[in-house]
Amino acid sequence: MRERPTIVLTISRQLGSGGSSIGQAIANRFGLRYADREILKQAAAAAGLQEGDLIPSEERTTGFWESLLHSYSMGAPEAAFVPPPLPPVYAADLFKLESLIIREIAESFDAVIVGRAGFHVLAGRPNVTNIRVHADRAFRVKRVMEVYGTASVKEAEGQVDRSDRQRAQFIKSFTGRNWDDASPFDLCISTSSVGLETATEVVAALVESVLGRQWRGAHTPAV
């Protein structure tokens, strides 16, 4: 039996801001479970799909699955029926699966959960600290080129802008909030202003404080 409740750090981040890098560093430093693409893999397994089958619908609210299935199921009137190659997993269904997995992780492990609207999924749960990592566009474009090997500035700008639109739509649809709403977060930090290393140390100090409070609370004698 655990001596104390689990503690969870959620990280909401812009593409190219370094949020995932910070999350991994924090998880490694404090021995926390790190959950990012793992959530997608588990959702895919639960839906009987390959991970790659779900990636196109991640953080989208468009009718991707409906359109894809429709295109496979409906041909010209004289065309033979072609059964859809994938089960009908829609964006809302994927979000429900991922939300269930996030809650299970939070219940069982001290963890860092990146993306997937973790701040919303775990809202109201004790011992959850929500972080938002952001950066200016130039910083993000440069980092996308470095991390993903994007060939040109124009292509990287397109990736950044497209990600912003998709994530904003995702957050609005499933949480009802604007993506730039800072109110759900305990800390918002700009990596383009302070740098990745300093941002990591700031987040680490916060996590250390939370862990310390939890440890003291778990060992406080009953009165």
Protein backbone atom coordinates (compact mmCIF):
# COMPACT_ATOMS: atom_id res chain seq x y z
CA MET A 1 0.00 0.00 0.00
CA ARG A 2 1.26 3.49 -0.83
CA GLU A 3 2.19 5.69 2.12
CA ARG A 4 0.88 8.75 0.32
CA PRO A 5 -1.28 9.65 -2.68
CA THR A 6 0.41 9.88 -6.05
CA ILE A 7 1.65 13.24 -7.31
CA VAL A 8 1.23 14.18 -10.95
CA LEU A 9 2.72 16.92 -13.09
CA THR A 10 0.85 17.75 -16.29
CA ILE A 11 2.59 19.71 -19.02
CA SER A 12 0.74 21.57 -21.73
CA ARG A 13 3.13 22.83 -24.38
CA GLN A 14 3.41 24.50 -27.75
CA LEU A 15 5.22 22.61 -30.49
CA GLY A 16 8.89 23.55 -30.37
CA SER A 17 8.73 25.07 -26.89
CA GLY A 18 10.66 22.20 -25.29
CA GLY A 19 7.85 21.06 -23.01
CA SER A 20 8.44 17.38 -23.74
CA SER A 21 12.15 17.79 -23.08
CA ILE A 22 11.42 19.41 -19.72
CA GLY A 23 8.96 16.65 -18.87
CA GLN A 24 11.50 13.92 -19.62
CA ALA A 25 14.19 15.68 -17.60
CA ILE A 26 11.88 16.03 -14.60
CA ALA A 27 10.73 12.42 -14.82
CA ASN A 28 14.31 11.20 -14.94
CA ARG A 29 15.44 13.41 -12.08
CA PHE A 30 12.70 12.41 -9.66
CA GLY A 31 12.01 8.87 -10.83
CA LEU A 32 8.51 9.66 -12.11
CA ARG A 33 6.57 7.77 -14.76
CA TYR A 34 6.73 9.67 -18.06
CA ALA A 35 3.62 9.48 -20.25
CA ASP A 36 3.38 11.06 -23.68
CA ARG A 37 3.23 8.83 -26.76
CA GLU A 38 2.69 5.96 -24.34
CA ILE A 39 -0.88 7.19 -23.88
CA LEU A 40 -1.48 7.06 -27.62
CA LYS A 41 -0.03 3.53 -27.82
CA GLN A 42 -2.29 2.29 -25.05
CA ALA A 43 -5.33 3.95 -26.62
CA ALA A 44 -4.48 2.31 -29.94
CA ALA A 45 -4.12 -1.09 -28.29
CA ALA A 46 -7.47 -0.67 -26.53
CA ALA A 47 -9.10 0.20 -29.84
CA GLY A 48 -7.47 -2.72 -31.64
CA LEU A 49 -5.45 -0.42 -33.90
CA GLN A 50 -1.82 0.26 -34.64
CA GLU A 51 -0.40 3.43 -33.12
CA GLY A 52 0.04 4.97 -36.57
CA ASP A 53 -3.65 4.54 -37.30
CA LEU A 54 -4.51 6.99 -34.54
CA ILE A 55 -1.87 9.65 -35.11
CA PRO A 56 -3.80 11.53 -37.83
CA SER A 57 -6.72 12.13 -35.46
CA GLU A 58 -4.61 13.28 -32.53
CA GLU A 59 -5.71 16.71 -31.31
CA ARG A 60 -8.10 17.18 -34.20
CA THR A 61 -11.80 17.94 -34.14
CA THR A 62 -12.43 17.54 -37.83
CA GLY A 63 -14.29 14.54 -39.21
CA PHE A 64 -11.08 12.73 -40.11
CA TRP A 65 -12.31 9.26 -39.25
CA GLU A 66 -15.76 9.88 -40.67
CA SER A 67 -14.25 11.11 -43.95
CA LEU A 68 -11.76 8.27 -44.14
CA LEU A 69 -14.33 5.59 -43.49
CA HIS A 70 -16.77 7.23 -45.86
CA SER A 71 -14.20 7.27 -48.64
CA TYR A 72 -13.58 3.55 -48.21
CA SER A 73 -17.22 2.60 -47.80
CA MET A 74 -18.85 4.75 -50.45
CA GLY A 75 -17.78 4.60 -54.07
CA ALA A 76 -19.63 5.41 -57.26
CA PRO A 77 -23.13 3.80 -57.41
CA GLU A 78 -21.82 1.02 -59.64
CA ALA A 79 -18.69 0.40 -57.58
CA ALA A 80 -18.38 -2.71 -55.45
CA PHE A 81 -18.63 -2.16 -51.71
CA VAL A 82 -15.24 -1.99 -50.02
CA PRO A 83 -15.40 -2.54 -46.24
CA PRO A 84 -13.54 0.04 -44.16
CA PRO A 85 -10.10 -1.19 -43.10
CA LEU A 86 -10.33 0.44 -39.66
CA PRO A 87 -12.92 0.30 -36.88
CA PRO A 88 -14.81 3.57 -36.40
CA VAL A 89 -12.67 5.33 -33.80
CA TYR A 90 -13.65 8.99 -33.75
CA ALA A 91 -11.85 11.92 -32.16
CA ALA A 92 -14.21 11.92 -29.18
CA ASP A 93 -13.77 8.19 -28.68
CA LEU A 94 -9.99 8.55 -28.79
CA PHE A 95 -10.11 11.33 -26.22
CA LYS A 96 -12.23 9.16 -23.92
CA LEU A 97 -9.74 6.31 -24.22
CA GLU A 98 -6.78 8.57 -23.57
CA SER A 99 -8.56 10.21 -20.63
CA LEU A 100 -9.20 6.82 -19.05
CA ILE A 101 -5.54 5.88 -19.44
CA ILE A 102 -4.40 9.22 -17.98
CA ARG A 103 -6.59 8.68 -14.91
CA GLU A 104 -5.30 5.13 -14.47
CA ILE A 105 -1.70 6.37 -14.64
CA ALA A 106 -2.43 9.16 -12.16
CA GLU A 107 -4.06 6.70 -9.78
CA SER A 108 -1.14 4.28 -9.83
CA PHE A 109 2.06 6.27 -10.35
CA ASP A 110 3.86 9.47 -9.53
CA ALA A 111 3.97 10.75 -13.09
CA VAL A 112 4.66 13.44 -15.63
CA ILE A 113 1.88 13.56 -18.23
CA VAL A 114 2.56 15.60 -21.36
CA GLY A 115 -0.26 16.89 -23.53
CA ARG A 116 -3.62 15.19 -24.09
CA ALA A 117 -5.33 17.93 -22.02
CA GLY A 118 -4.10 16.30 -18.83
CA PHE A 119 -4.82 19.49 -16.88
CA HIS A 120 -8.49 19.09 -17.81
CA VAL A 121 -8.76 15.32 -17.47
CA LEU A 122 -7.35 15.45 -13.92
CA ALA A 123 -9.12 18.65 -12.86
CA GLY A 124 -10.23 18.48 -9.25
CA ARG A 125 -7.90 15.62 -8.39
CA PRO A 126 -5.59 16.38 -5.46
CA ASN A 127 -1.82 16.48 -5.84
CA VAL A 128 -1.85 17.54 -9.49
CA THR A 129 0.40 20.40 -10.61
CA ASN A 130 -0.29 21.88 -14.04
CA ILE A 131 2.45 23.52 -16.10
CA ARG A 132 2.21 25.36 -19.40
CA VAL A 133 5.37 25.73 -21.47
CA HIS A 134 5.39 28.28 -24.28
CA ALA A 135 7.87 30.23 -26.37
CA ASP A 136 7.95 32.85 -29.10
CA ARG A 137 7.51 31.74 -32.69
CA ALA A 138 11.11 32.27 -33.79
CA PHE A 139 12.42 30.11 -30.94
CA ARG A 140 9.92 27.37 -31.76
CA VAL A 141 10.66 27.41 -35.49
CA LYS A 142 14.38 27.12 -34.83
CA ARG A 143 13.89 24.26 -32.38
CA VAL A 144 11.56 22.39 -34.75
CA MET A 145 14.26 22.56 -37.40
CA GLU A 146 16.87 21.27 -34.96
CA VAL A 147 14.83 18.54 -33.28
CA TYR A 148 12.85 17.24 -36.24
CA GLY A 149 15.38 17.94 -38.96
CA THR A 150 12.94 20.15 -40.86
CA ALA A 151 14.70 21.32 -44.00
CA SER A 152 13.54 24.93 -44.27
CA VAL A 153 12.28 27.81 -42.17
CA LYS A 154 9.09 27.95 -44.22
CA GLU A 155 8.35 24.29 -43.61
CA ALA A 156 9.03 24.65 -39.89
CA GLU A 157 6.77 27.70 -39.72
CA GLY A 158 4.04 25.68 -41.37
CA GLN A 159 4.44 22.90 -38.81
CA VAL A 160 4.28 25.34 -35.91
CA ASP A 161 1.23 27.17 -37.24
CA ARG A 162 -0.59 23.96 -38.12
CA SER A 163 0.09 22.52 -34.67
CA ASP A 164 -1.21 25.68 -33.01
CA ARG A 165 -4.47 25.51 -34.95
CA GLN A 166 -5.01 21.82 -34.26
CA ARG A 167 -4.22 22.05 -30.57
CA ALA A 168 -6.39 25.12 -30.14
CA GLN A 169 -9.32 23.30 -31.79
CA PHE A 170 -8.70 20.23 -29.67
CA ILE A 171 -8.62 22.14 -26.38
CA LYS A 172 -11.66 24.23 -27.25
CA SER A 173 -13.73 21.22 -28.30
CA PHE A 174 -12.91 18.92 -25.41
CA THR A 175 -12.38 21.35 -22.52
CA GLY A 176 -14.40 24.41 -23.57
CA ARG A 177 -11.38 26.62 -22.91
CA ASN A 178 -9.25 28.77 -25.15
CA TRP A 179 -5.82 27.23 -25.58
CA ASP A 180 -4.09 30.41 -24.38
CA ASP A 181 -6.14 30.52 -21.16
CA ALA A 182 -3.59 30.44 -18.34
CA SER A 183 -6.07 30.00 -15.49
CA PRO A 184 -5.86 26.17 -15.19
CA PHE A 185 -2.08 26.27 -14.71
CA ASP A 186 -0.01 26.61 -11.57
CA LEU A 187 2.99 27.78 -13.57
CA CYS A 188 3.39 29.23 -17.08
CA ILE A 189 6.97 29.53 -18.30
CA SER A 190 8.51 30.86 -21.51
CA THR A 191 11.50 28.87 -22.66
CA SER A 192 12.40 31.54 -25.20
CA SER A 193 12.71 34.05 -22.34
CA VAL A 194 14.54 32.00 -19.71
CA GLY A 195 16.01 29.12 -21.73
CA LEU A 196 15.35 25.39 -21.48
CA GLU A 197 17.86 24.78 -18.71
CA THR A 198 16.47 27.47 -16.42
CA ALA A 199 12.90 26.47 -17.20
CA THR A 200 13.72 22.88 -16.24
CA GLU A 201 15.25 24.03 -12.95
CA VAL A 202 12.22 26.17 -12.13
CA VAL A 203 9.86 23.25 -12.75
CA ALA A 204 12.17 20.93 -10.80
CA ALA A 205 12.08 23.29 -7.80
CA LEU A 206 8.29 23.27 -7.92
CA VAL A 207 8.13 19.48 -8.12
CA GLU A 208 10.65 19.16 -5.27
CA SER A 209 8.48 21.41 -3.15
CA VAL A 210 5.38 19.36 -3.92
CA LEU A 211 7.18 16.09 -3.19
CA GLY A 212 8.48 17.52 0.06
CA ARG A 213 5.00 18.56 1.18
CA GLN A 214 3.63 15.13 0.31
CA TRP A 215 6.40 13.37 2.18
CA ARG A 216 5.92 15.51 5.28
CA GLY A 217 2.18 15.04 5.13
CA ALA A 218 2.48 11.28 4.85
CA HIS A 219 4.71 11.16 7.95
CA THR A 220 2.84 13.59 10.16
CA PRO A 221 1.58 11.72 13.25
CA ALA A 222 -2.18 11.61 13.71
CA VAL A 223 -3.54 13.69 16.56
